[in-house]
C-alpha atoms as a PDB file:
ATOM      1  CA  MET A   1     169.309 103.393  85.186  1.00  0.00           C
ATOM      2  CA  SER A   2     170.242 106.745  86.128  1.00  0.00           C
ATOM      3  CA  GLU A   3     170.777 107.678  90.067  1.00  0.00           C
ATOM      4  CA  HIS A   4     169.685 110.656  92.146  1.00  0.00           C
ATOM      5  CA  THR A   5     171.198 112.153  94.973  1.00  0.00           C
ATOM      6  CA  ILE A   6     168.587 112.767  97.878  1.00  0.00           C
ATOM      7  CA  ARG A   7     168.975 115.266 100.875  1.00  0.00           C
ATOM      8  CA  PHE A   8     166.081 115.007 103.560  1.00  0.00           C
ATOM      9  CA  SER A   9     165.676 114.870 107.142  1.00  0.00           C
ATOM     10  CA  LEU A  10     164.967 111.405 108.420  1.00  0.00           C
ATOM     11  CA  ASN A  11     163.277 111.711 112.059  1.00  0.00           C
ATOM     12  CA  GLY A  12     164.773 115.296 112.560  1.00  0.00           C
ATOM     13  CA  ARG A  13     168.236 113.774 111.111  1.00  0.00           C
ATOM     14  CA  ALA A  14     169.991 114.810 108.205  1.00  0.00           C
ATOM     15  CA  ARG A  15     170.628 112.451 105.523  1.00  0.00           C
ATOM     16  CA  GLU A  16     172.092 112.252 102.281  1.00  0.00           C
ATOM     17  CA  VAL A  17     171.657 108.739  99.833  1.00  0.00           C
ATOM     18  CA  ARG A  18     171.927 107.955  96.396  1.00  0.00           C
ATOM     19  CA  VAL A  19     169.221 106.251  94.867  1.00  0.00           C
ATOM     20  CA  PRO A  20     168.354 104.558  91.729  1.00  0.00           C
ATOM     21  CA  ALA A  21     165.496 106.563  90.020  1.00  0.00           C
ATOM     22  CA  GLU A  22     163.047 103.537  90.272  1.00  0.00           C
ATOM     23  CA  ARG A  23     163.786 103.173  94.093  1.00  0.00           C
ATOM     24  CA  LEU A  24     160.675 103.029  96.388  1.00  0.00           C
ATOM     25  CA  LEU A  25     160.817 105.215  99.636  1.00  0.00           C
ATOM     26  CA  ALA A  26     159.884 101.914 101.786  1.00  0.00           C
ATOM     27  CA  ASP A  27     162.779 100.068 100.023  1.00  0.00           C
ATOM     28  CA  MET A  28     165.311 103.393 101.028  1.00  0.00           C
ATOM     29  CA  LEU A  29     163.949 103.599 104.587  1.00  0.00           C
ATOM     30  CA  ARG A  30     164.456 100.088 105.059  1.00  0.00           C
ATOM     31  CA  ASP A  31     167.492  99.062 103.292  1.00  0.00           C
ATOM     32  CA  ASP A  32     169.516 102.026 103.046  1.00  0.00           C
ATOM     33  CA  CYS A  33     168.727 103.653 106.376  1.00  0.00           C
ATOM     34  CA  GLY A  34     168.393 101.670 108.559  1.00  0.00           C
ATOM     35  CA  ALA A  35     164.386 102.335 109.488  1.00  0.00           C
ATOM     36  CA  THR A  36     162.904  99.115 109.448  1.00  0.00           C
ATOM     37  CA  GLY A  37     159.949  99.800 111.273  1.00  0.00           C
ATOM     38  CA  THR A  38     158.080 100.844 108.199  1.00  0.00           C
ATOM     39  CA  LYS A  39     156.691  97.638 106.951  1.00  0.00           C
ATOM     40  CA  VAL A  40     155.767  96.845 103.341  1.00  0.00           C
ATOM     41  CA  GLY A  41     152.586  94.558 103.599  1.00  0.00           C
ATOM     42  CA  CYS A  42     151.106  94.652 100.314  1.00  0.00           C
ATOM     43  CA  GLY A  43     153.576  96.330  98.237  1.00  0.00           C
ATOM     44  CA  ILE A  44     150.373  98.607  96.154  1.00  0.00           C
ATOM     45  CA  GLY A  45     149.395 100.658  98.635  1.00  0.00           C
ATOM     46  CA  VAL A  46     146.455  99.939 100.163  1.00  0.00           C
ATOM     47  CA  CYS A  47     147.154  98.084 103.388  1.00  0.00           C
ATOM     48  CA  GLY A  48     148.986 100.960 105.275  1.00  0.00           C
ATOM     49  CA  ALA A  49     151.684  99.262 107.062  1.00  0.00           C
ATOM     50  CA  CYS A  50     154.446 101.349 105.474  1.00  0.00           C
ATOM     51  CA  SER A  51     152.564 104.661 106.315  1.00  0.00           C
ATOM     52  CA  VAL A  52     155.228 107.807 106.842  1.00  0.00           C
ATOM     53  CA  LEU A  53     155.201 111.182 107.006  1.00  0.00           C
ATOM     54  CA  VAL A  54     156.502 113.325 104.630  1.00  0.00           C
ATOM     55  CA  ASP A  55     156.006 116.941 105.328  1.00  0.00           C
ATOM     56  CA  GLY A  56     153.399 115.972 107.608  1.00  0.00           C
ATOM     57  CA  ALA A  57     151.200 114.631 104.858  1.00  0.00           C
ATOM     58  CA  LEU A  58     150.439 110.655 105.017  1.00  0.00           C
ATOM     59  CA  VAL A  59     152.086 108.797 102.079  1.00  0.00           C
ATOM     60  CA  SER A  60     151.896 105.043 101.296  1.00  0.00           C
ATOM     61  CA  ALA A  61     156.428 104.739 101.063  1.00  0.00           C
ATOM     62  CA  CYS A  62     155.581 101.064  99.252  1.00  0.00           C
ATOM     63  CA  ILE A  63     154.311 103.186  95.844  1.00  0.00           C
ATOM     64  CA  TYR A  64     155.940 106.470  96.861  1.00  0.00           C
ATOM     65  CA  PRO A  65     159.427 107.189  94.577  1.00  0.00           C
ATOM     66  CA  ALA A  66     162.227 107.821  96.956  1.00  0.00           C
ATOM     67  CA  THR A  67     163.411 110.467  94.819  1.00  0.00           C
ATOM     68  CA  TYR A  68     160.229 112.748  95.864  1.00  0.00           C
ATOM     69  CA  ILE A  69     161.521 113.341  99.477  1.00  0.00           C
ATOM     70  CA  ASP A  70     164.659 115.350  98.139  1.00  0.00           C
ATOM     71  CA  GLY A  71     164.174 118.460 100.407  1.00  0.00           C
ATOM     72  CA  ALA A  72     161.494 117.087 102.309  1.00  0.00           C
ATOM     73  CA  SER A  73     161.231 115.841 106.092  1.00  0.00           C
ATOM     74  CA  VAL A  74     160.422 112.436 106.884  1.00  0.00           C
ATOM     75  CA  ILE A  75     158.901 110.563 110.036  1.00  0.00           C
ATOM     76  CA  THR A  76     159.025 107.229 110.477  1.00  0.00           C
ATOM     77  CA  VAL A  77     157.978 105.160 113.452  1.00  0.00           C
ATOM     78  CA  GLU A  78     161.271 105.250 114.656  1.00  0.00           C
ATOM     79  CA  GLY A  79     160.875 109.121 114.979  1.00  0.00           C
ATOM     80  CA  LEU A  80     157.459 109.410 117.013  1.00  0.00           C
ATOM     81  CA  ALA A  81     159.378 108.519 120.791  1.00  0.00           C
ATOM     82  CA  ALA A  82     161.491 111.017 122.211  1.00  0.00           C
ATOM     83  CA  ALA A  83     165.541 110.927 122.114  1.00  0.00           C
ATOM     84  CA  ASP A  84     165.743 109.585 125.212  1.00  0.00           C
ATOM     85  CA  GLY A  85     163.207 107.001 124.384  1.00  0.00           C
ATOM     86  CA  THR A  86     160.356 108.318 126.278  1.00  0.00           C
ATOM     87  CA  LEU A  87     156.882 107.235 124.348  1.00  0.00           C
ATOM     88  CA  THR A  88     154.441 109.540 122.962  1.00  0.00           C
ATOM     89  CA  PRO A  89     150.861 109.465 124.792  1.00  0.00           C
ATOM     90  CA  LEU A  90     149.363 107.706 121.421  1.00  0.00           C
ATOM     91  CA  GLN A  91     152.439 104.763 121.312  1.00  0.00           C
ATOM     92  CA  ASP A  92     151.159 104.432 125.149  1.00  0.00           C
ATOM     93  CA  ALA A  93     147.833 104.245 124.926  1.00  0.00           C
ATOM     94  CA  PHE A  94     148.159 101.795 121.493  1.00  0.00           C
ATOM     95  CA  ILE A  95     150.523  99.379 124.688  1.00  0.00           C
ATOM     96  CA  ARG A  96     147.613 100.002 127.356  1.00  0.00           C
ATOM     97  CA  GLU A  97     144.683  99.446 125.345  1.00  0.00           C
ATOM     98  CA  GLY A  98     145.824  96.612 123.610  1.00  0.00           C
ATOM     99  CA  GLY A  99     145.864  98.571 119.874  1.00  0.00           C
ATOM    100  CA  PHE A 100     148.370  95.876 118.580  1.00  0.00           C
ATOM    101  CA  GLN A 101     149.234  92.422 118.012  1.00  0.00           C
ATOM    102  CA  CYS A 102     151.337  90.819 115.798  1.00  0.00           C
ATOM    103  CA  GLY A 103     153.071  94.512 115.120  1.00  0.00           C
ATOM    104  CA  ILE A 104     153.286  94.142 111.114  1.00  0.00           C
ATOM    105  CA  CYS A 105     150.697  97.048 110.877  1.00  0.00           C
ATOM    106  CA  THR A 106     151.383  98.949 114.078  1.00  0.00           C
ATOM    107  CA  PRO A 107     153.951 101.583 112.780  1.00  0.00           C
ATOM    108  CA  GLY A 108     151.801 102.250 110.126  1.00  0.00           C
ATOM    109  CA  GLN A 109     148.962 102.710 112.362  1.00  0.00           C
ATOM    110  CA  LEU A 110     150.902 104.714 114.865  1.00  0.00           C
ATOM    111  CA  ILE A 111     151.718 106.900 112.211  1.00  0.00           C
ATOM    112  CA  ALA A 112     148.360 107.039 110.189  1.00  0.00           C
ATOM    113  CA  ALA A 113     146.917 108.072 114.297  1.00  0.00           C
ATOM    114  CA  THR A 114     149.990 110.716 114.530  1.00  0.00           C
ATOM    115  CA  ALA A 115     148.684 112.556 111.598  1.00  0.00           C
ATOM    116  CA  LEU A 116     145.071 112.447 112.596  1.00  0.00           C
ATOM    117  CA  LEU A 117     145.854 113.753 116.209  1.00  0.00           C
ATOM    118  CA  HIS A 118     148.069 116.330 114.616  1.00  0.00           C
ATOM    119  CA  GLU A 119     144.826 117.241 112.227  1.00  0.00           C
ATOM    120  CA  ARG A 120     141.942 116.668 114.598  1.00  0.00           C
ATOM    121  CA  PRO A 121     143.655 116.732 117.951  1.00  0.00           C
ATOM    122  CA  HIS A 122     139.911 115.593 119.357  1.00  0.00           C
ATOM    123  CA  PRO A 123     138.735 113.375 116.653  1.00  0.00           C
ATOM    124  CA  ASN A 124     135.100 111.971 117.275  1.00  0.00           C
ATOM    125  CA  ASP A 125     134.521 108.361 116.586  1.00  0.00           C
ATOM    126  CA  VAL A 126     133.408 108.594 112.756  1.00  0.00           C
ATOM    127  CA  GLU A 127     136.332 110.624 112.232  1.00  0.00           C
ATOM    128  CA  VAL A 128     138.432 107.848 113.541  1.00  0.00           C
ATOM    129  CA  ASN A 129     136.942 105.092 111.678  1.00  0.00           C
ATOM    130  CA  GLU A 130     136.978 107.311 108.418  1.00  0.00           C
ATOM    131  CA  TRP A 131     140.779 108.208 108.857  1.00  0.00           C
ATOM    132  CA  MET A 132     142.078 105.095 109.824  1.00  0.00           C
ATOM    133  CA  MET A 133     140.466 102.787 107.724  1.00  0.00           C
ATOM    134  CA  GLY A 134     143.145 102.911 105.114  1.00  0.00           C
ATOM    135  CA  ASN A 135     145.332 101.077 107.951  1.00  0.00           C
ATOM    136  CA  ILE A 136     144.241  97.249 107.828  1.00  0.00           C
ATOM    137  CA  CYS A 137     144.530  94.934 110.562  1.00  0.00           C
ATOM    138  CA  ARG A 138     144.136  91.335 110.683  1.00  0.00           C
ATOM    139  CA  CYS A 139     144.633  90.579 114.619  1.00  0.00           C
ATOM    140  CA  THR A 140     142.878  93.066 116.551  1.00  0.00           C
ATOM    141  CA  GLY A 141     139.555  94.017 115.113  1.00  0.00           C
ATOM    142  CA  TYR A 142     140.504  97.685 115.711  1.00  0.00           C
ATOM    143  CA  GLU A 143     138.739  98.258 118.717  1.00  0.00           C
ATOM    144  CA  GLY A 144     141.763  98.480 120.781  1.00  0.00           C
ATOM    145  CA  ILE A 145     143.301 101.355 118.110  1.00  0.00           C
ATOM    146  CA  ARG A 146     140.339 103.257 118.361  1.00  0.00           C
ATOM    147  CA  ARG A 147     140.819 102.952 122.312  1.00  0.00           C
ATOM    148  CA  ALA A 148     143.962 103.972 121.769  1.00  0.00           C
ATOM    149  CA  ILE A 149     143.322 106.889 119.413  1.00  0.00           C
ATOM    150  CA  ARG A 150     140.693 108.498 121.671  1.00  0.00           C
ATOM    151  CA  VAL A 151     142.471 107.931 125.049  1.00  0.00           C
ATOM    152  CA  ALA A 152     145.613 109.692 123.444  1.00  0.00           C
ATOM    153  CA  ALA A 153     143.034 112.241 122.120  1.00  0.00           C
ATOM    154  CA  GLY A 154     142.113 112.685 126.153  1.00  0.00           C
ATOM    155  CA  ALA A 155     138.632 111.352 125.020  1.00  0.00           C
ATOM    156  CA  SER A 156     136.790 108.759 127.527  1.00  0.00           C
ATOM    157  CA  ALA A 157     137.618 105.593 126.349  1.00  0.00           C
END
C-alpha cells in the first residue's frame, strides 16, 4: 500500500497530509483535518451530504480520492463563514427560511448552493431545482432550501 504526501489549501489555509493511496477525500477531511462538517450519507456519491468545492468545482468527497486534491484549493462548510464567524447571506437565509432541520444534509446543501450562486448569481426556480437535485434531504421537503437560495440570490421568496 503506497502513501502520498498531498499539499493543498483547506478553507484558505495551507495543509500537508500524508495519506494512503486509497484514502477518500471525505475520510481525510473528517479524520485527518478535523473538518467534520463534511458528512458521509450514502457513501456512493449520490446523496450530496459530502459535497465540497475543489478548485471551485462541486465534488462528492465520499468517492473522490484524497490524492486528487494535491495542489488544489478545497472549501468545506467550515470555510463558508468569515473568520470572525459572520455567516454568508446564504447561511443566514438557510436559518431564517427553514432550509435545514436535522443538519445531516445541510453542509452539502450549503456547498452546492454556494456553487450554484457562484455560477448563476440569480438563478430561476428551474435552475435551482436542477442544480440542487443531487442533494437529498429527508426532513424539509425542499421548499425552505429553495426559498433560502432565492433569498440569498436577492430574489423574492
